[in-house]
Amino acid sequence: MSKAGMYISSHGYEHRWLDTVPPEAQQTEIESSLRFLDDLGCDLKQWSFNYPYGAHNESLVSALRASGAGLGFTTKVGIADLDSEDPLLLSRLNTNDLPKDSNANANEWTLKVI
């Protein structure tokens, strides 16, 4: 998928609730996931992180910032706003928040971007 041009981002290595582990374990998760992405041939100059289960805390966000993450996606439903949100705590839309097929009526989220 990466070779075909798809962007792949980090989601941790073991898909753990990262707000429940100590900072050392958070750092290990970050480093392990980046090694995995590197092994896949992903570009790590600009990388993002998707919080497993949306779980995050201050130490994890700090570790991501120190490790060079450019963006972090929470499970807070919304359209990310880089002007008002911390780039490591962005809201996002899940596929379940969008219409299920191209013939479906627009919903509140699709109407906001049309």
Foldseek 3Di string as FASTA:
>chain_A
DVVVPDADAAAWDPLDLVLPDDLVVLLVRVVVRVVVCVVVVHDPQEHEYEYRQLHDDDSNLVSCVVVHHQAAEGCAADDFDPVPDDRNYTYYHDPVNADPDPPDDGDPRNVVVD
